[in-house]
Amino acid sequence: METVRELASKKAAVIFTKSSCCMCHSIKALFYDLGASPAVHELDQDANGREIERALRSLGCNPAVPAVFIGGQFVGSAKDVISLHLDGSLNKCSLMPRLFGSDNQLIAICYITV
């Protein structure tokens, strides 16, 4: 579980995915369309992928992928992120690129509850 927390806090937006997952692809595309450049960890291509997947499940991610973290905090799965996007919460607090400095570091985080 420590690996997940460490990876989730390395960048402002982090998505755990599998390369064969269509919902994972959709969530990545949403973030890219919003102008974000999230860290993407493809669990099926990672040597520790199964361990990370188990840790994600223990954190309450069900299904384990896609799992989205913003500012090191678990935001949710595809359903949660799409809901936030549709009601404007994902973009309203400018969680995406408007909060990034020129060096791509997060300057501020707007916390949302799911």
PDB file of N, CA and C in Angstrom:
ATOM      1  N   MET A   1       0.821  -1.187   0.000  1.00  0.00           N
ATOM      2  CA  MET A   1       0.000   0.000   0.000  1.00  0.00           C
ATOM      3  C   MET A   1       0.872   1.261   0.000  1.00  0.00           C
ATOM      4  N   GLU A   2       2.023   1.168   0.605  1.00  0.00           N
ATOM      5  CA  GLU A   2       2.939   2.308   0.639  1.00  0.00           C
ATOM      6  C   GLU A   2       3.381   2.690  -0.773  1.00  0.00           C
ATOM      7  N   THR A   3       3.554   1.699  -1.643  1.00  0.00           N
ATOM      8  CA  THR A   3       3.942   1.960  -3.026  1.00  0.00           C
ATOM      9  C   THR A   3       2.892   2.818  -3.716  1.00  0.00           C
ATOM     10  N   VAL A   4       1.609   2.495  -3.501  1.00  0.00           N
ATOM     11  CA  VAL A   4       0.530   3.262  -4.119  1.00  0.00           C
ATOM     12  C   VAL A   4       0.545   4.693  -3.607  1.00  0.00           C
ATOM     13  N   ARG A   5       0.666   4.868  -2.313  1.00  0.00           N
ATOM     14  CA  ARG A   5       0.683   6.222  -1.737  1.00  0.00           C
ATOM     15  C   ARG A   5       1.867   7.030  -2.275  1.00  0.00           C
ATOM     16  N   GLU A   6       3.002   6.371  -2.379  1.00  0.00           N
ATOM     17  CA  GLU A   6       4.196   7.049  -2.883  1.00  0.00           C
ATOM     18  C   GLU A   6       4.018   7.470  -4.340  1.00  0.00           C
ATOM     19  N   LEU A   7       3.542   6.536  -5.170  1.00  0.00           N
ATOM     20  CA  LEU A   7       3.332   6.847  -6.582  1.00  0.00           C
ATOM     21  C   LEU A   7       2.248   7.911  -6.761  1.00  0.00           C
ATOM     22  N   ALA A   8       1.189   7.822  -5.960  1.00  0.00           N
ATOM     23  CA  ALA A   8       0.059   8.748  -6.075  1.00  0.00           C
ATOM     24  C   ALA A   8       0.431  10.176  -5.694  1.00  0.00           C
ATOM     25  N   SER A   9       1.491  10.335  -4.930  1.00  0.00           N
ATOM     26  CA  SER A   9       1.862  11.680  -4.486  1.00  0.00           C
ATOM     27  C   SER A   9       3.013  12.279  -5.294  1.00  0.00           C
ATOM     28  N   LYS A  10       3.516  11.561  -6.279  1.00  0.00           N
ATOM     29  CA  LYS A  10       4.653  12.060  -7.047  1.00  0.00           C
ATOM     30  C   LYS A  10       4.282  13.124  -8.069  1.00  0.00           C
ATOM     31  N   LYS A  11       3.032  13.143  -8.467  1.00  0.00           N
ATOM     32  CA  LYS A  11       2.583  14.112  -9.455  1.00  0.00           C
ATOM     33  C   LYS A  11       1.184  14.568  -9.072  1.00  0.00           C
ATOM     34  N   ALA A  12       0.774  15.723  -9.559  1.00  0.00           N
ATOM     35  CA  ALA A  12      -0.524  16.286  -9.184  1.00  0.00           C
ATOM     36  C   ALA A  12      -1.674  15.358  -9.524  1.00  0.00           C
ATOM     37  N   ALA A  13      -1.642  14.749 -10.685  1.00  0.00           N
ATOM     38  CA  ALA A  13      -2.683  13.803 -11.093  1.00  0.00           C
ATOM     39  C   ALA A  13      -2.025  12.488 -11.455  1.00  0.00           C
ATOM     40  N   VAL A  14      -2.550  11.405 -10.887  1.00  0.00           N
ATOM     41  CA  VAL A  14      -1.991  10.069 -11.128  1.00  0.00           C
ATOM     42  C   VAL A  14      -3.142   9.130 -11.440  1.00  0.00           C
ATOM     43  N   ILE A  15      -2.964   8.335 -12.497  1.00  0.00           N
ATOM     44  CA  ILE A  15      -3.979   7.371 -12.889  1.00  0.00           C
ATOM     45  C   ILE A  15      -3.339   5.996 -12.975  1.00  0.00           C
ATOM     46  N   PHE A  16      -3.920   5.039 -12.253  1.00  0.00           N
ATOM     47  CA  PHE A  16      -3.495   3.641 -12.342  1.00  0.00           C
ATOM     48  C   PHE A  16      -4.434   2.966 -13.331  1.00  0.00           C
ATOM     49  N   THR A  17      -3.859   2.319 -14.342  1.00  0.00           N
ATOM     50  CA  THR A  17      -4.662   1.758 -15.420  1.00  0.00           C
ATOM     51  C   THR A  17      -4.125   0.395 -15.844  1.00  0.00           C
ATOM     52  N   LYS A  18      -4.824  -0.181 -16.808  1.00  0.00           N
ATOM     53  CA  LYS A  18      -4.334  -1.349 -17.545  1.00  0.00           C
ATOM     54  C   LYS A  18      -4.481  -1.008 -19.013  1.00  0.00           C
ATOM     55  N   SER A  19      -3.509  -1.406 -19.805  1.00  0.00           N
ATOM     56  CA  SER A  19      -3.486  -1.020 -21.218  1.00  0.00           C
ATOM     57  C   SER A  19      -4.665  -1.584 -22.005  1.00  0.00           C
ATOM     58  N   SER A  20      -5.270  -2.666 -21.544  1.00  0.00           N
ATOM     59  CA  SER A  20      -6.378  -3.283 -22.268  1.00  0.00           C
ATOM     60  C   SER A  20      -7.752  -2.811 -21.783  1.00  0.00           C
ATOM     61  N   CYS A  21      -7.787  -1.890 -20.850  1.00  0.00           N
ATOM     62  CA  CYS A  21      -9.035  -1.442 -20.231  1.00  0.00           C
ATOM     63  C   CYS A  21      -9.603  -0.231 -20.976  1.00  0.00           C
ATOM     64  N   CYS A  22     -10.800  -0.383 -21.551  1.00  0.00           N
ATOM     65  CA  CYS A  22     -11.383   0.719 -22.321  1.00  0.00           C
ATOM     66  C   CYS A  22     -11.768   1.895 -21.429  1.00  0.00           C
ATOM     67  N   MET A  23     -12.221   1.648 -20.199  1.00  0.00           N
ATOM     68  CA  MET A  23     -12.557   2.749 -19.300  1.00  0.00           C
ATOM     69  C   MET A  23     -11.286   3.505 -18.880  1.00  0.00           C
ATOM     70  N   CYS A  24     -10.200   2.787 -18.724  1.00  0.00           N
ATOM     71  CA  CYS A  24      -8.920   3.431 -18.412  1.00  0.00           C
ATOM     72  C   CYS A  24      -8.530   4.377 -19.539  1.00  0.00           C
ATOM     73  N   HIS A  25      -8.686   3.905 -20.752  1.00  0.00           N
ATOM     74  CA  HIS A  25      -8.369   4.734 -21.918  1.00  0.00           C
ATOM     75  C   HIS A  25      -9.234   5.993 -21.916  1.00  0.00           C
ATOM     76  N   SER A  26     -10.515   5.847 -21.610  1.00  0.00           N
ATOM     77  CA  SER A  26     -11.435   6.987 -21.590  1.00  0.00           C
ATOM     78  C   SER A  26     -11.046   8.015 -20.532  1.00  0.00           C
ATOM     79  N   ILE A  27     -10.660   7.545 -19.358  1.00  0.00           N
ATOM     80  CA  ILE A  27     -10.272   8.463 -18.280  1.00  0.00           C
ATOM     81  C   ILE A  27      -8.976   9.188 -18.638  1.00  0.00           C
ATOM     82  N   LYS A  28      -8.012   8.453 -19.195  1.00  0.00           N
ATOM     83  CA  LYS A  28      -6.772   9.106 -19.628  1.00  0.00           C
ATOM     84  C   LYS A  28      -7.079  10.170 -20.681  1.00  0.00           C
ATOM     85  N   ALA A  29      -7.947   9.844 -21.640  1.00  0.00           N
ATOM     86  CA  ALA A  29      -8.302  10.784 -22.698  1.00  0.00           C
ATOM     87  C   ALA A  29      -8.980  12.021 -22.116  1.00  0.00           C
ATOM     88  N   LEU A  30      -9.833  11.838 -21.121  1.00  0.00           N
ATOM     89  CA  LEU A  30     -10.496  12.970 -20.473  1.00  0.00           C
ATOM     90  C   LEU A  30      -9.467  13.924 -19.869  1.00  0.00           C
ATOM     91  N   PHE A  31      -8.512  13.375 -19.138  1.00  0.00           N
ATOM     92  CA  PHE A  31      -7.488  14.213 -18.514  1.00  0.00           C
ATOM     93  C   PHE A  31      -6.661  14.935 -19.569  1.00  0.00           C
ATOM     94  N   TYR A  32      -6.292  14.221 -20.633  1.00  0.00           N
ATOM     95  CA  TYR A  32      -5.512  14.857 -21.695  1.00  0.00           C
ATOM     96  C   TYR A  32      -6.335  15.943 -22.380  1.00  0.00           C
ATOM     97  N   ASP A  33      -7.634  15.685 -22.599  1.00  0.00           N
ATOM     98  CA  ASP A  33      -8.504  16.683 -23.225  1.00  0.00           C
ATOM     99  C   ASP A  33      -8.636  17.938 -22.362  1.00  0.00           C
ATOM    100  N   LEU A  34      -8.558  17.755 -21.045  1.00  0.00           N
ATOM    101  CA  LEU A  34      -8.631  18.892 -20.130  1.00  0.00           C
ATOM    102  C   LEU A  34      -7.291  19.627 -20.032  1.00  0.00           C
ATOM    103  N   GLY A  35      -6.279  19.097 -20.709  1.00  0.00           N
ATOM    104  CA  GLY A  35      -4.983  19.749 -20.725  1.00  0.00           C
ATOM    105  C   GLY A  35      -4.030  19.287 -19.637  1.00  0.00           C
ATOM    106  N   ALA A  36      -4.427  18.273 -18.899  1.00  0.00           N
ATOM    107  CA  ALA A  36      -3.561  17.762 -17.827  1.00  0.00           C
ATOM    108  C   ALA A  36      -2.569  16.757 -18.401  1.00  0.00           C
ATOM    109  N   SER A  37      -1.505  16.554 -17.682  1.00  0.00           N
ATOM    110  CA  SER A  37      -0.538  15.527 -18.067  1.00  0.00           C
ATOM    111  C   SER A  37      -0.298  14.632 -16.852  1.00  0.00           C
ATOM    112  N   PRO A  38      -1.243  13.735 -16.597  1.00  0.00           N
ATOM    113  CA  PRO A  38      -1.141  12.887 -15.411  1.00  0.00           C
ATOM    114  C   PRO A  38      -0.033  11.851 -15.542  1.00  0.00           C
ATOM    115  N   ALA A  39       0.446  11.396 -14.400  1.00  0.00           N
ATOM    116  CA  ALA A  39       1.330  10.234 -14.397  1.00  0.00           C
ATOM    117  C   ALA A  39       0.422   9.027 -14.583  1.00  0.00           C
ATOM    118  N   VAL A  40       0.749   8.182 -15.525  1.00  0.00           N
ATOM    119  CA  VAL A  40      -0.064   7.001 -15.811  1.00  0.00           C
ATOM    120  C   VAL A  40       0.766   5.766 -15.514  1.00  0.00           C
ATOM    121  N   HIS A  41       0.226   4.895 -14.674  1.00  0.00           N
ATOM    122  CA  HIS A  41       0.902   3.647 -14.329  1.00  0.00           C
ATOM    123  C   HIS A  41       0.077   2.486 -14.870  1.00  0.00           C
ATOM    124  N   GLU A  42       0.605   1.850 -15.913  1.00  0.00           N
ATOM    125  CA  GLU A  42      -0.058   0.705 -16.538  1.00  0.00           C
ATOM    126  C   GLU A  42       0.307  -0.545 -15.745  1.00  0.00           C
ATOM    127  N   LEU A  43      -0.642  -1.032 -14.953  1.00  0.00           N
ATOM    128  CA  LEU A  43      -0.339  -2.142 -14.047  1.00  0.00           C
ATOM    129  C   LEU A  43      -0.007  -3.436 -14.774  1.00  0.00           C
ATOM    130  N   ASP A  44      -0.565  -3.633 -15.961  1.00  0.00           N
ATOM    131  CA  ASP A  44      -0.268  -4.863 -16.700  1.00  0.00           C
ATOM    132  C   ASP A  44       1.105  -4.809 -17.367  1.00  0.00           C
ATOM    133  N   GLN A  45       1.774  -3.673 -17.286  1.00  0.00           N
ATOM    134  CA  GLN A  45       3.115  -3.548 -17.844  1.00  0.00           C
ATOM    135  C   GLN A  45       4.150  -3.247 -16.768  1.00  0.00           C
ATOM    136  N   ASP A  46       3.732  -3.327 -15.525  1.00  0.00           N
ATOM    137  CA  ASP A  46       4.599  -3.028 -14.390  1.00  0.00           C
ATOM    138  C   ASP A  46       4.926  -4.332 -13.660  1.00  0.00           C
ATOM    139  N   ALA A  47       6.185  -4.526 -13.324  1.00  0.00           N
ATOM    140  CA  ALA A  47       6.597  -5.749 -12.626  1.00  0.00           C
ATOM    141  C   ALA A  47       5.871  -5.914 -11.290  1.00  0.00           C
ATOM    142  N   ASN A  48       5.508  -4.815 -10.655  1.00  0.00           N
ATOM    143  CA  ASN A  48       4.788  -4.853  -9.381  1.00  0.00           C
ATOM    144  C   ASN A  48       3.288  -4.624  -9.556  1.00  0.00           C
ATOM    145  N   GLY A  49       2.798  -4.796 -10.775  1.00  0.00           N
ATOM    146  CA  GLY A  49       1.414  -4.488 -11.091  1.00  0.00           C
ATOM    147  C   GLY A  49       0.389  -5.224 -10.239  1.00  0.00           C
ATOM    148  N   ARG A  50       0.590  -6.499 -10.019  1.00  0.00           N
ATOM    149  CA  ARG A  50      -0.375  -7.283  -9.217  1.00  0.00           C
ATOM    150  C   ARG A  50      -0.389  -6.798  -7.764  1.00  0.00           C
ATOM    151  N   GLU A  51       0.770  -6.508  -7.241  1.00  0.00           N
ATOM    152  CA  GLU A  51       0.873  -5.999  -5.876  1.00  0.00           C
ATOM    153  C   GLU A  51       0.168  -4.640  -5.750  1.00  0.00           C
ATOM    154  N   ILE A  52       0.386  -3.780  -6.724  1.00  0.00           N
ATOM    155  CA  ILE A  52      -0.252  -2.461  -6.721  1.00  0.00           C
ATOM    156  C   ILE A  52      -1.763  -2.610  -6.844  1.00  0.00           C
ATOM    157  N   GLU A  53      -2.201  -3.532  -7.698  1.00  0.00           N
ATOM    158  CA  GLU A  53      -3.638  -3.762  -7.865  1.00  0.00           C
ATOM    159  C   GLU A  53      -4.281  -4.229  -6.552  1.00  0.00           C
ATOM    160  N   ARG A  54      -3.618  -5.122  -5.850  1.00  0.00           N
ATOM    161  CA  ARG A  54      -4.130  -5.569  -4.538  1.00  0.00           C
ATOM    162  C   ARG A  54      -4.194  -4.402  -3.558  1.00  0.00           C
ATOM    163  N   ALA A  55      -3.184  -3.563  -3.572  1.00  0.00           N
ATOM    164  CA  ALA A  55      -3.166  -2.405  -2.678  1.00  0.00           C
ATOM    165  C   ALA A  55      -4.295  -1.431  -3.017  1.00  0.00           C
ATOM    166  N   LEU A  56      -4.544  -1.234  -4.303  1.00  0.00           N
ATOM    167  CA  LEU A  56      -5.644  -0.354  -4.715  1.00  0.00           C
ATOM    168  C   LEU A  56      -6.982  -0.896  -4.230  1.00  0.00           C
ATOM    169  N   ARG A  57      -7.161  -2.208  -4.348  1.00  0.00           N
ATOM    170  CA  ARG A  57      -8.410  -2.823  -3.860  1.00  0.00           C
ATOM    171  C   ARG A  57      -8.550  -2.636  -2.353  1.00  0.00           C
ATOM    172  N   SER A  58      -7.447  -2.745  -1.634  1.00  0.00           N
ATOM    173  CA  SER A  58      -7.523  -2.588  -0.173  1.00  0.00           C
ATOM    174  C   SER A  58      -7.831  -1.142   0.222  1.00  0.00           C
ATOM    175  N   LEU A  59      -7.544  -0.202  -0.685  1.00  0.00           N
ATOM    176  CA  LEU A  59      -7.881   1.201  -0.440  1.00  0.00           C
ATOM    177  C   LEU A  59      -9.335   1.509  -0.805  1.00  0.00           C
ATOM    178  N   GLY A  60     -10.025   0.524  -1.359  1.00  0.00           N
ATOM    179  CA  GLY A  60     -11.422   0.712  -1.717  1.00  0.00           C
ATOM    180  C   GLY A  60     -11.673   0.903  -3.192  1.00  0.00           C
ATOM    181  N   CYS A  61     -10.666   0.733  -4.001  1.00  0.00           N
ATOM    182  CA  CYS A  61     -10.832   0.861  -5.449  1.00  0.00           C
ATOM    183  C   CYS A  61     -11.420  -0.441  -5.985  1.00  0.00           C
ATOM    184  N   ASN A  62     -12.653  -0.389  -6.389  1.00  0.00           N
ATOM    185  CA  ASN A  62     -13.295  -1.580  -6.927  1.00  0.00           C
ATOM    186  C   ASN A  62     -14.204  -1.159  -8.067  1.00  0.00           C
ATOM    187  N   PRO A  63     -13.836  -1.420  -9.300  1.00  0.00           N
ATOM    188  CA  PRO A  63     -12.678  -2.197  -9.729  1.00  0.00           C
ATOM    189  C   PRO A  63     -11.374  -1.439  -9.455  1.00  0.00           C
ATOM    190  N   ALA A  64     -10.296  -2.177  -9.503  1.00  0.00           N
ATOM    191  CA  ALA A  64      -8.995  -1.598  -9.148  1.00  0.00           C
ATOM    192  C   ALA A  64      -8.533  -0.536 -10.138  1.00  0.00           C
ATOM    193  N   VAL A  65      -8.936  -0.654 -11.389  1.00  0.00           N
ATOM    194  CA  VAL A  65      -8.549   0.335 -12.405  1.00  0.00           C
ATOM    195  C   VAL A  65      -9.771   0.758 -13.202  1.00  0.00           C
ATOM    196  N   PRO A  66      -9.807   1.963 -13.681  1.00  0.00           N
ATOM    197  CA  PRO A  66      -8.856   3.023 -13.396  1.00  0.00           C
ATOM    198  C   PRO A  66      -9.036   3.560 -11.979  1.00  0.00           C
ATOM    199  N   ALA A  67      -7.951   3.951 -11.382  1.00  0.00           N
ATOM    200  CA  ALA A  67      -7.964   4.580 -10.063  1.00  0.00           C
ATOM    201  C   ALA A  67      -7.277   5.933 -10.206  1.00  0.00           C
ATOM    202  N   VAL A  68      -7.991   6.994  -9.862  1.00  0.00           N
ATOM    203  CA  VAL A  68      -7.498   8.351 -10.077  1.00  0.00           C
ATOM    204  C   VAL A  68      -7.187   9.010  -8.737  1.00  0.00           C
ATOM    205  N   PHE A  69      -5.995   9.577  -8.667  1.00  0.00           N
ATOM    206  CA  PHE A  69      -5.553  10.322  -7.492  1.00  0.00           C
ATOM    207  C   PHE A  69      -5.216  11.739  -7.927  1.00  0.00           C
ATOM    208  N   ILE A  70      -5.666  12.714  -7.174  1.00  0.00           N
ATOM    209  CA  ILE A  70      -5.317  14.108  -7.424  1.00  0.00           C
ATOM    210  C   ILE A  70      -4.758  14.671  -6.129  1.00  0.00           C
ATOM    211  N   GLY A  71      -3.568  15.221  -6.222  1.00  0.00           N
ATOM    212  CA  GLY A  71      -2.919  15.753  -5.030  1.00  0.00           C
ATOM    213  C   GLY A  71      -2.654  14.680  -3.990  1.00  0.00           C
ATOM    214  N   GLY A  72      -2.436  13.449  -4.434  1.00  0.00           N
ATOM    215  CA  GLY A  72      -2.164  12.340  -3.525  1.00  0.00           C
ATOM    216  C   GLY A  72      -3.398  11.746  -2.887  1.00  0.00           C
ATOM    217  N   GLN A  73      -4.577  12.303  -3.179  1.00  0.00           N
ATOM    218  CA  GLN A  73      -5.827  11.826  -2.596  1.00  0.00           C
ATOM    219  C   GLN A  73      -6.600  11.010  -3.621  1.00  0.00           C
ATOM    220  N   PHE A  74      -7.163   9.902  -3.178  1.00  0.00           N
ATOM    221  CA  PHE A  74      -7.969   9.069  -4.066  1.00  0.00           C
ATOM    222  C   PHE A  74      -9.256   9.795  -4.417  1.00  0.00           C
ATOM    223  N   VAL A  75      -9.484  10.014  -5.704  1.00  0.00           N
ATOM    224  CA  VAL A  75     -10.689  10.685  -6.185  1.00  0.00           C
ATOM    225  C   VAL A  75     -11.755   9.661  -6.529  1.00  0.00           C
ATOM    226  N   GLY A  76     -11.343   8.556  -7.149  1.00  0.00           N
ATOM    227  CA  GLY A  76     -12.314   7.529  -7.471  1.00  0.00           C
ATOM    228  C   GLY A  76     -11.954   6.766  -8.724  1.00  0.00           C
ATOM    229  N   SER A  77     -12.941   6.002  -9.157  1.00  0.00           N
ATOM    230  CA  SER A  77     -12.787   5.189 -10.357  1.00  0.00           C
ATOM    231  C   SER A  77     -13.396   5.950 -11.537  1.00  0.00           C
ATOM    232  N   ALA A  78     -13.566   5.268 -12.644  1.00  0.00           N
ATOM    233  CA  ALA A  78     -14.100   5.903 -13.847  1.00  0.00           C
ATOM    234  C   ALA A  78     -15.459   6.537 -13.577  1.00  0.00           C
ATOM    235  N   LYS A  79     -16.334   5.817 -12.916  1.00  0.00           N
ATOM    236  CA  LYS A  79     -17.684   6.322 -12.637  1.00  0.00           C
ATOM    237  C   LYS A  79     -17.623   7.622 -11.842  1.00  0.00           C
ATOM    238  N   ASP A  80     -16.778   7.649 -10.827  1.00  0.00           N
ATOM    239  CA  ASP A  80     -16.648   8.833  -9.981  1.00  0.00           C
ATOM    240  C   ASP A  80     -16.087  10.021 -10.751  1.00  0.00           C
ATOM    241  N   VAL A  81     -15.055   9.787 -11.523  1.00  0.00           N
ATOM    242  CA  VAL A  81     -14.400  10.858 -12.273  1.00  0.00           C
ATOM    243  C   VAL A  81     -15.338  11.406 -13.352  1.00  0.00           C
ATOM    244  N   ILE A  82     -16.052  10.527 -14.033  1.00  0.00           N
ATOM    245  CA  ILE A  82     -16.996  10.977 -15.059  1.00  0.00           C
ATOM    246  C   ILE A  82     -18.111  11.801 -14.417  1.00  0.00           C
ATOM    247  N   SER A  83     -18.594  11.369 -13.270  1.00  0.00           N
ATOM    248  CA  SER A  83     -19.632  12.137 -12.560  1.00  0.00           C
ATOM    249  C   SER A  83     -19.119  13.522 -12.182  1.00  0.00           C
ATOM    250  N   LEU A  84     -17.897  13.593 -11.671  1.00  0.00           N
ATOM    251  CA  LEU A  84     -17.303  14.884 -11.318  1.00  0.00           C
ATOM    252  C   LEU A  84     -17.147  15.774 -12.541  1.00  0.00           C
ATOM    253  N   HIS A  85     -16.777  15.153 -13.644  1.00  0.00           N
ATOM    254  CA  HIS A  85     -16.612  15.923 -14.880  1.00  0.00           C
ATOM    255  C   HIS A  85     -17.967  16.453 -15.367  1.00  0.00           C
ATOM    256  N   LEU A  86     -18.987  15.595 -15.350  1.00  0.00           N
ATOM    257  CA  LEU A  86     -20.299  15.998 -15.850  1.00  0.00           C
ATOM    258  C   LEU A  86     -20.943  17.089 -15.009  1.00  0.00           C
ATOM    259  N   ASP A  87     -20.712  17.064 -13.695  1.00  0.00           N
ATOM    260  CA  ASP A  87     -21.318  18.124 -12.871  1.00  0.00           C
ATOM    261  C   ASP A  87     -20.413  19.354 -12.750  1.00  0.00           C
ATOM    262  N   GLY A  88     -19.267  19.321 -13.424  1.00  0.00           N
ATOM    263  CA  GLY A  88     -18.386  20.482 -13.467  1.00  0.00           C
ATOM    264  C   GLY A  88     -17.369  20.553 -12.340  1.00  0.00           C
ATOM    265  N   SER A  89     -17.429  19.644 -11.390  1.00  0.00           N
ATOM    266  CA  SER A  89     -16.525  19.692 -10.240  1.00  0.00           C
ATOM    267  C   SER A  89     -15.074  19.458 -10.614  1.00  0.00           C
ATOM    268  N   LEU A  90     -14.853  18.601 -11.578  1.00  0.00           N
ATOM    269  CA  LEU A  90     -13.478  18.270 -11.948  1.00  0.00           C
ATOM    270  C   LEU A  90     -12.768  19.490 -12.519  1.00  0.00           C
ATOM    271  N   ASN A  91     -13.458  20.262 -13.304  1.00  0.00           N
ATOM    272  CA  ASN A  91     -12.869  21.435 -13.936  1.00  0.00           C
ATOM    273  C   ASN A  91     -13.116  22.710 -13.155  1.00  0.00           C
ATOM    274  N   LYS A  92     -14.220  22.758 -12.398  1.00  0.00           N
ATOM    275  CA  LYS A  92     -14.621  23.976 -11.696  1.00  0.00           C
ATOM    276  C   LYS A  92     -13.542  24.485 -10.758  1.00  0.00           C
ATOM    277  N   CYS A  93     -12.907  23.590 -10.050  1.00  0.00           N
ATOM    278  CA  CYS A  93     -11.871  24.010  -9.103  1.00  0.00           C
ATOM    279  C   CYS A  93     -10.517  24.123  -9.773  1.00  0.00           C
ATOM    280  N   SER A  94     -10.510  24.050 -11.077  1.00  0.00           N
ATOM    281  CA  SER A  94      -9.267  24.166 -11.841  1.00  0.00           C
ATOM    282  C   SER A  94      -8.216  23.190 -11.335  1.00  0.00           C
ATOM    283  N   LEU A  95      -8.640  21.951 -11.191  1.00  0.00           N
ATOM    284  CA  LEU A  95      -7.698  20.928 -10.752  1.00  0.00           C
ATOM    285  C   LEU A  95      -6.667  20.627 -11.824  1.00  0.00           C
ATOM    286  N   MET A  96      -6.963  21.014 -13.019  1.00  0.00           N
ATOM    287  CA  MET A  96      -6.119  20.665 -14.129  1.00  0.00           C
ATOM    288  C   MET A  96      -5.042  21.711 -14.374  1.00  0.00           C
ATOM    289  N   PRO A  97      -4.682  21.989 -15.584  1.00  0.00           N
ATOM    290  CA  PRO A  97      -3.455  22.724 -15.872  1.00  0.00           C
ATOM    291  C   PRO A  97      -3.405  24.144 -15.357  1.00  0.00           C
ATOM    292  N   ARG A  98      -4.519  24.783 -15.090  1.00  0.00           N
ATOM    293  CA  ARG A  98      -4.476  26.149 -14.613  1.00  0.00           C
ATOM    294  C   ARG A  98      -3.738  26.263 -13.280  1.00  0.00           C
ATOM    295  N   LEU A  99      -3.654  25.163 -12.557  1.00  0.00           N
ATOM    296  CA  LEU A  99      -2.960  25.185 -11.271  1.00  0.00           C
ATOM    297  C   LEU A  99      -1.492  24.788 -11.389  1.00  0.00           C
ATOM    298  N   PHE A 100      -1.067  24.481 -12.591  1.00  0.00           N
ATOM    299  CA  PHE A 100       0.303  24.052 -12.774  1.00  0.00           C
ATOM    300  C   PHE A 100       1.180  25.237 -13.111  1.00  0.00           C
ATOM    301  N   GLY A 101       2.322  25.284 -12.483  1.00  0.00           N
ATOM    302  CA  GLY A 101       3.303  26.304 -12.834  1.00  0.00           C
ATOM    303  C   GLY A 101       4.012  25.890 -14.099  1.00  0.00           C
ATOM    304  N   SER A 102       4.905  26.684 -14.547  1.00  0.00           N
ATOM    305  CA  SER A 102       5.613  26.391 -15.789  1.00  0.00           C
ATOM    306  C   SER A 102       6.479  25.142 -15.679  1.00  0.00           C
ATOM    307  N   ASP A 103       6.847  24.785 -14.459  1.00  0.00           N
ATOM    308  CA  ASP A 103       7.654  23.585 -14.290  1.00  0.00           C
ATOM    309  C   ASP A 103       6.784  22.366 -14.015  1.00  0.00           C
ATOM    310  N   ASN A 104       5.453  22.507 -14.253  1.00  0.00           N
ATOM    311  CA  ASN A 104       4.498  21.412 -14.130  1.00  0.00           C
ATOM    312  C   ASN A 104       4.324  20.939 -12.694  1.00  0.00           C
ATOM    313  N   GLN A 105       4.607  21.802 -11.737  1.00  0.00           N
ATOM    314  CA  GLN A 105       4.386  21.476 -10.333  1.00  0.00           C
ATOM    315  C   GLN A 105       3.052  22.050  -9.903  1.00  0.00           C
ATOM    316  N   LEU A 106       2.352  21.341  -9.063  1.00  0.00           N
ATOM    317  CA  LEU A 106       1.065  21.816  -8.584  1.00  0.00           C
ATOM    318  C   LEU A 106       1.281  22.976  -7.623  1.00  0.00           C
ATOM    319  N   ILE A 107       0.595  24.065  -7.875  1.00  0.00           N
ATOM    320  CA  ILE A 107       0.707  25.236  -7.027  1.00  0.00           C
ATOM    321  C   ILE A 107      -0.353  25.196  -5.933  1.00  0.00           C
ATOM    322  N   ALA A 108      -1.545  24.750  -6.259  1.00  0.00           N
ATOM    323  CA  ALA A 108      -2.635  24.685  -5.283  1.00  0.00           C
ATOM    324  C   ALA A 108      -3.519  23.492  -5.624  1.00  0.00           C
ATOM    325  N   ILE A 109      -4.221  23.010  -4.633  1.00  0.00           N
ATOM    326  CA  ILE A 109      -5.101  21.865  -4.835  1.00  0.00           C
ATOM    327  C   ILE A 109      -6.474  22.230  -4.301  1.00  0.00           C
ATOM    328  N   CYS A 110      -7.483  21.976  -5.092  1.00  0.00           N
ATOM    329  CA  CYS A 110      -8.853  22.164  -4.643  1.00  0.00           C
ATOM    330  C   CYS A 110      -9.362  20.788  -4.257  1.00  0.00           C
ATOM    331  N   TYR A 111      -9.667  20.590  -2.995  1.00  0.00           N
ATOM    332  CA  TYR A 111     -10.117  19.287  -2.546  1.00  0.00           C
ATOM    333  C   TYR A 111     -11.590  19.116  -2.812  1.00  0.00           C
ATOM    334  N   ILE A 112     -11.937  17.956  -3.328  1.00  0.00           N
ATOM    335  CA  ILE A 112     -13.329  17.638  -3.601  1.00  0.00           C
ATOM    336  C   ILE A 112     -13.677  16.365  -2.855  1.00  0.00           C
ATOM    337  N   THR A 113     -14.926  16.220  -2.529  1.00  0.00           N
ATOM    338  CA  THR A 113     -15.365  15.004  -1.863  1.00  0.00           C
ATOM    339  C   THR A 113     -16.218  14.197  -2.803  1.00  0.00           C
ATOM    340  N   VAL A 114     -16.056  12.912  -2.738  1.00  0.00           N
ATOM    341  CA  VAL A 114     -16.856  12.015  -3.571  1.00  0.00           C
ATOM    342  C   VAL A 114     -17.671  11.122  -2.683  1.00  0.00           C
TER     343      VAL A 114
END
